[in-house]
Amino acid sequence: MSRLWTPLLAVVVLLAAAALIAGALGAFRPGSAPEHGWTISQLSTELMCPTCKTRLDQSDSPQANQIRRELGLTQHWAIVIVGIGNLGHALANYKGFAERGFRVAALVDADPSKVGEMVGGIAVRRVEDLPELVAAEQIAIGVIATPAAVVQEVADLMVAAGIRSILNFAPAVIAVPAGVSVRKVDLAIELQILAFYEQRKATLAEVKRRGRAVADLTRP
């Protein structure tokens, strides 16, 4: 292990820990972080490179590049979206993926009427083509945007094709083998989180209003 590696690894660990801590604290300290906490990508734009005396995202030094590589911020990860309904269309046309280092490499759907359709400049392919697409495009991440009834079947197909990271938008829990990472996006839960913040804002506003009313009553 090089002499450079140990301090860089320590910085990466600290970055990850800071992201988790800041994410938790963000819920209790309004204005101190984005409302739902920091992501690693956001955090990397705010931190200073320890040896180059500038922001991590503005430095081209070997140290900064090494840290970005360890955070997975220097590679354009190829992704496949399975399920090209309304949500699949929206995801395929989302321009923010490229800004975050993700490339939509393939679109797949089981509906024969959608095969061949151009979405975001990419032709929709058959489900049966998934293994070929994963190998040809070196796809690392699969995105599931299907109905809940078929989500486990789709996850199994992804794993069999060689995908080891899955982002699941379907409202269902999937089972995967050890070594496969799954992140679930539940839009209903996200709305509930926003509702919680709105309720908290309303409660704080009411407390402040009552405080001012009491102060007015006690004023000589």
Protein backbone atom coordinates (compact mmCIF):
# COMPACT_ATOMS: atom_id res chain seq x y z
CA MET A 1 0.00 0.00 0.00
CA SER A 2 1.45 3.38 -1.05
CA ARG A 3 2.16 6.11 1.46
CA LEU A 4 -0.43 8.25 -0.37
CA TRP A 5 -3.17 5.62 -0.13
CA THR A 6 -3.57 5.52 3.66
CA PRO A 7 -4.30 9.24 4.17
CA LEU A 8 -6.56 9.29 1.11
CA LEU A 9 -8.53 6.31 2.40
CA ALA A 10 -8.91 8.07 5.71
CA VAL A 11 -10.28 11.15 3.93
CA VAL A 12 -12.78 9.03 1.98
CA VAL A 13 -14.00 7.38 5.18
CA LEU A 14 -14.37 10.79 6.81
CA LEU A 15 -16.30 12.09 3.78
CA ALA A 16 -18.73 9.18 3.98
CA ALA A 17 -19.14 9.58 7.73
CA ALA A 18 -19.64 13.33 7.36
CA ALA A 19 -22.33 12.75 4.73
CA LEU A 20 -24.23 10.43 7.08
CA ILE A 21 -23.86 12.75 10.07
CA ALA A 22 -24.78 15.86 8.09
CA GLY A 23 -27.79 14.04 6.67
CA ALA A 24 -29.03 13.28 10.16
CA LEU A 25 -28.31 16.73 11.54
CA GLY A 26 -29.92 18.42 8.56
CA ALA A 27 -33.32 17.33 9.84
CA PHE A 28 -32.78 19.17 13.13
CA ARG A 29 -30.83 22.26 12.04
CA PRO A 30 -32.78 24.16 9.38
CA GLY A 31 -30.45 26.01 7.04
CA SER A 32 -27.36 23.99 8.00
CA ALA A 33 -27.73 21.52 5.13
CA PRO A 34 -30.23 20.61 2.38
CA GLU A 35 -33.55 19.69 3.95
CA HIS A 36 -33.03 15.96 3.45
CA GLY A 37 -29.31 15.97 4.18
CA TRP A 38 -26.23 15.85 1.99
CA THR A 39 -25.41 13.37 -0.75
CA ILE A 40 -21.80 12.31 -1.36
CA SER A 41 -21.84 14.23 -4.65
CA GLN A 42 -23.12 17.43 -3.01
CA LEU A 43 -20.68 17.06 -0.13
CA SER A 44 -17.75 16.72 -2.52
CA THR A 45 -18.49 20.16 -3.98
CA GLU A 46 -18.40 21.80 -0.55
CA LEU A 47 -15.30 20.22 0.99
CA MET A 48 -11.72 21.34 0.59
CA CYS A 49 -9.09 19.02 -0.81
CA PRO A 50 -6.80 18.56 2.22
CA THR A 51 -3.52 18.89 0.28
CA CYS A 52 -4.44 21.23 -2.59
CA LYS A 53 -6.13 24.03 -0.61
CA THR A 54 -9.14 24.33 -2.89
CA ARG A 55 -12.57 22.78 -3.23
CA LEU A 56 -12.53 19.12 -4.14
CA ASP A 57 -14.57 19.64 -7.30
CA GLN A 58 -12.26 22.46 -8.49
CA SER A 59 -8.92 20.69 -8.12
CA ASP A 60 -7.16 18.59 -10.75
CA SER A 61 -4.42 17.45 -8.38
CA PRO A 62 -3.61 13.70 -8.14
CA GLN A 63 -4.85 13.72 -4.54
CA ALA A 64 -8.23 15.24 -5.45
CA ASN A 65 -8.62 12.89 -8.41
CA GLN A 66 -7.87 9.89 -6.18
CA ILE A 67 -10.49 10.96 -3.67
CA ARG A 68 -13.07 11.47 -6.43
CA ARG A 69 -12.28 8.02 -7.82
CA GLU A 70 -12.80 6.40 -4.41
CA LEU A 71 -16.15 8.20 -4.10
CA GLY A 72 -17.18 6.94 -7.55
CA LEU A 73 -17.47 10.47 -8.96
CA THR A 74 -15.11 10.18 -11.95
CA GLN A 75 -16.75 7.37 -13.88
CA HIS A 76 -19.84 7.57 -16.08
CA TRP A 77 -21.80 4.57 -14.85
CA ALA A 78 -23.98 2.88 -17.47
CA ILE A 79 -27.54 2.15 -16.39
CA VAL A 80 -30.49 0.26 -17.88
CA ILE A 81 -34.10 1.21 -17.22
CA VAL A 82 -36.61 -1.64 -17.26
CA GLY A 83 -40.25 -0.60 -17.65
CA ILE A 84 -40.86 2.22 -20.09
CA GLY A 85 -44.21 3.48 -18.88
CA ASN A 86 -44.80 7.03 -17.69
CA LEU A 87 -42.10 6.83 -15.02
CA GLY A 88 -39.68 5.04 -17.34
CA HIS A 89 -40.17 7.75 -19.96
CA ALA A 90 -39.51 10.47 -17.39
CA LEU A 91 -36.35 8.77 -16.14
CA ALA A 92 -35.05 8.14 -19.66
CA ASN A 93 -35.48 11.81 -20.55
CA TYR A 94 -33.99 13.14 -17.29
CA LYS A 95 -30.90 15.20 -18.14
CA GLY A 96 -29.61 15.31 -14.58
CA PHE A 97 -28.20 11.78 -14.78
CA ALA A 98 -25.31 12.86 -17.00
CA GLU A 99 -24.43 15.71 -14.64
CA ARG A 100 -24.08 13.17 -11.81
CA GLY A 101 -21.97 10.71 -13.78
CA PHE A 102 -24.65 8.31 -15.01
CA ARG A 103 -25.33 7.32 -18.60
CA VAL A 104 -28.63 5.79 -19.65
CA ALA A 105 -27.28 3.04 -21.90
CA ALA A 106 -30.37 0.92 -22.52
CA LEU A 107 -34.15 0.84 -22.18
CA VAL A 108 -36.07 -2.43 -21.87
CA ASP A 109 -39.76 -3.32 -21.79
CA ALA A 110 -41.80 -6.52 -21.98
CA ASP A 111 -44.57 -4.87 -24.05
CA PRO A 112 -43.97 -5.71 -27.73
CA SER A 113 -45.76 -2.51 -28.79
CA LYS A 114 -43.06 -0.43 -27.05
CA VAL A 115 -40.08 -2.28 -28.54
CA GLY A 116 -38.36 -0.07 -31.09
CA GLU A 117 -39.85 3.15 -29.70
CA MET A 118 -37.30 5.96 -29.38
CA VAL A 119 -37.21 7.48 -25.89
CA GLY A 120 -34.54 10.02 -25.04
CA GLY A 121 -32.68 9.07 -28.20
CA ILE A 122 -32.53 5.36 -27.26
CA ALA A 123 -34.53 2.54 -28.84
CA VAL A 124 -36.51 0.37 -26.43
CA ARG A 125 -35.35 -3.24 -26.52
CA ARG A 126 -36.94 -6.57 -25.56
CA VAL A 127 -36.51 -8.03 -22.08
CA GLU A 128 -34.82 -11.00 -23.70
CA ASP A 129 -32.05 -8.67 -24.88
CA LEU A 130 -31.06 -7.68 -21.34
CA PRO A 131 -28.02 -10.00 -20.95
CA GLU A 132 -26.65 -8.86 -24.32
CA LEU A 133 -27.16 -5.18 -23.45
CA VAL A 134 -25.51 -5.54 -20.04
CA ALA A 135 -22.45 -7.14 -21.59
CA ALA A 136 -22.20 -4.81 -24.59
CA GLU A 137 -22.75 -1.57 -22.67
CA GLN A 138 -20.96 -2.68 -19.48
CA ILE A 139 -24.05 -1.79 -17.50
CA ALA A 140 -23.46 -1.60 -13.77
CA ILE A 141 -26.82 -0.40 -12.44
CA GLY A 142 -30.38 -1.49 -13.21
CA VAL A 143 -33.38 0.75 -12.62
CA ILE A 144 -36.76 -0.91 -12.13
CA ALA A 145 -39.76 1.20 -13.15
CA THR A 146 -42.29 -1.61 -13.63
CA PRO A 147 -45.56 -2.46 -11.87
CA ALA A 148 -45.10 -4.14 -8.49
CA ALA A 149 -46.50 -7.44 -9.75
CA VAL A 150 -43.42 -8.17 -11.89
CA VAL A 151 -40.69 -6.46 -9.87
CA GLN A 152 -39.19 -9.67 -8.44
CA GLU A 153 -39.08 -11.27 -11.89
CA VAL A 154 -37.32 -8.20 -13.28
CA ALA A 155 -34.83 -8.17 -10.42
CA ASP A 156 -34.07 -11.86 -11.03
CA LEU A 157 -33.46 -11.13 -14.73
CA MET A 158 -31.12 -8.26 -13.85
CA VAL A 159 -29.11 -10.40 -11.45
CA ALA A 160 -28.92 -13.23 -13.98
CA ALA A 161 -27.65 -10.75 -16.58
CA GLY A 162 -24.81 -9.69 -14.28
CA ILE A 163 -26.16 -6.49 -12.71
CA ARG A 164 -25.06 -6.07 -9.10
CA SER A 165 -26.73 -2.75 -8.19
CA ILE A 166 -30.48 -2.12 -8.49
CA LEU A 167 -32.57 1.00 -7.96
CA ASN A 168 -36.18 -0.02 -7.41
CA PHE A 169 -39.00 2.47 -8.04
CA ALA A 170 -41.73 -0.19 -7.86
CA PRO A 171 -43.83 -0.25 -4.66
CA ALA A 172 -42.62 -3.70 -3.64
CA VAL A 173 -39.74 -5.30 -1.77
CA ILE A 174 -37.40 -7.54 -3.75
CA ALA A 175 -35.13 -10.36 -2.62
CA VAL A 176 -31.64 -10.54 -4.12
CA PRO A 177 -28.57 -12.71 -3.52
CA ALA A 178 -25.69 -11.62 -1.32
CA GLY A 179 -23.43 -9.20 -3.13
CA VAL A 180 -26.28 -7.37 -4.91
CA SER A 181 -27.06 -3.87 -3.66
CA VAL A 182 -30.64 -2.58 -3.73
CA ARG A 183 -31.95 0.91 -3.11
CA LYS A 184 -35.70 1.47 -2.99
CA VAL A 185 -37.35 4.76 -3.93
CA ASP A 186 -40.85 4.98 -2.46
CA LEU A 187 -42.48 8.15 -3.75
CA ALA A 188 -45.29 7.92 -1.17
CA ILE A 189 -42.72 7.90 1.66
CA GLU A 190 -40.92 10.87 0.09
CA LEU A 191 -44.23 12.77 0.04
CA GLN A 192 -44.80 11.83 3.68
CA ILE A 193 -41.37 13.22 4.54
CA LEU A 194 -42.23 16.48 2.79
CA ALA A 195 -45.56 16.56 4.64
CA PHE A 196 -43.66 16.16 7.92
CA TYR A 197 -41.45 19.14 7.12
CA GLU A 198 -44.46 21.22 6.13
CA GLN A 199 -46.19 20.32 9.39
CA ARG A 200 -43.05 21.20 11.35
CA LYS A 201 -42.86 24.59 9.65
CA ALA A 202 -46.51 25.24 10.43
CA THR A 203 -46.03 24.22 14.08
CA LEU A 204 -42.97 26.45 14.50
CA ALA A 205 -44.84 29.36 12.91
CA GLU A 206 -47.74 28.84 15.34
CA VAL A 207 -45.38 28.69 18.34
CA LYS A 208 -43.76 31.95 17.25
CA ARG A 209 -47.16 33.57 16.74
CA ARG A 210 -48.32 32.56 20.22
CA GLY A 211 -45.05 33.75 21.70
CA ARG A 212 -45.55 37.17 20.17
CA ALA A 213 -49.15 37.27 21.41
CA VAL A 214 -48.04 36.48 24.98
CA ALA A 215 -45.35 39.12 24.77
CA ASP A 216 -47.90 41.68 23.62
CA LEU A 217 -50.20 40.81 26.55
CA THR A 218 -47.44 41.14 29.16
CA ARG A 219 -46.09 44.36 27.72
CA PRO A 220 -46.85 47.35 30.00
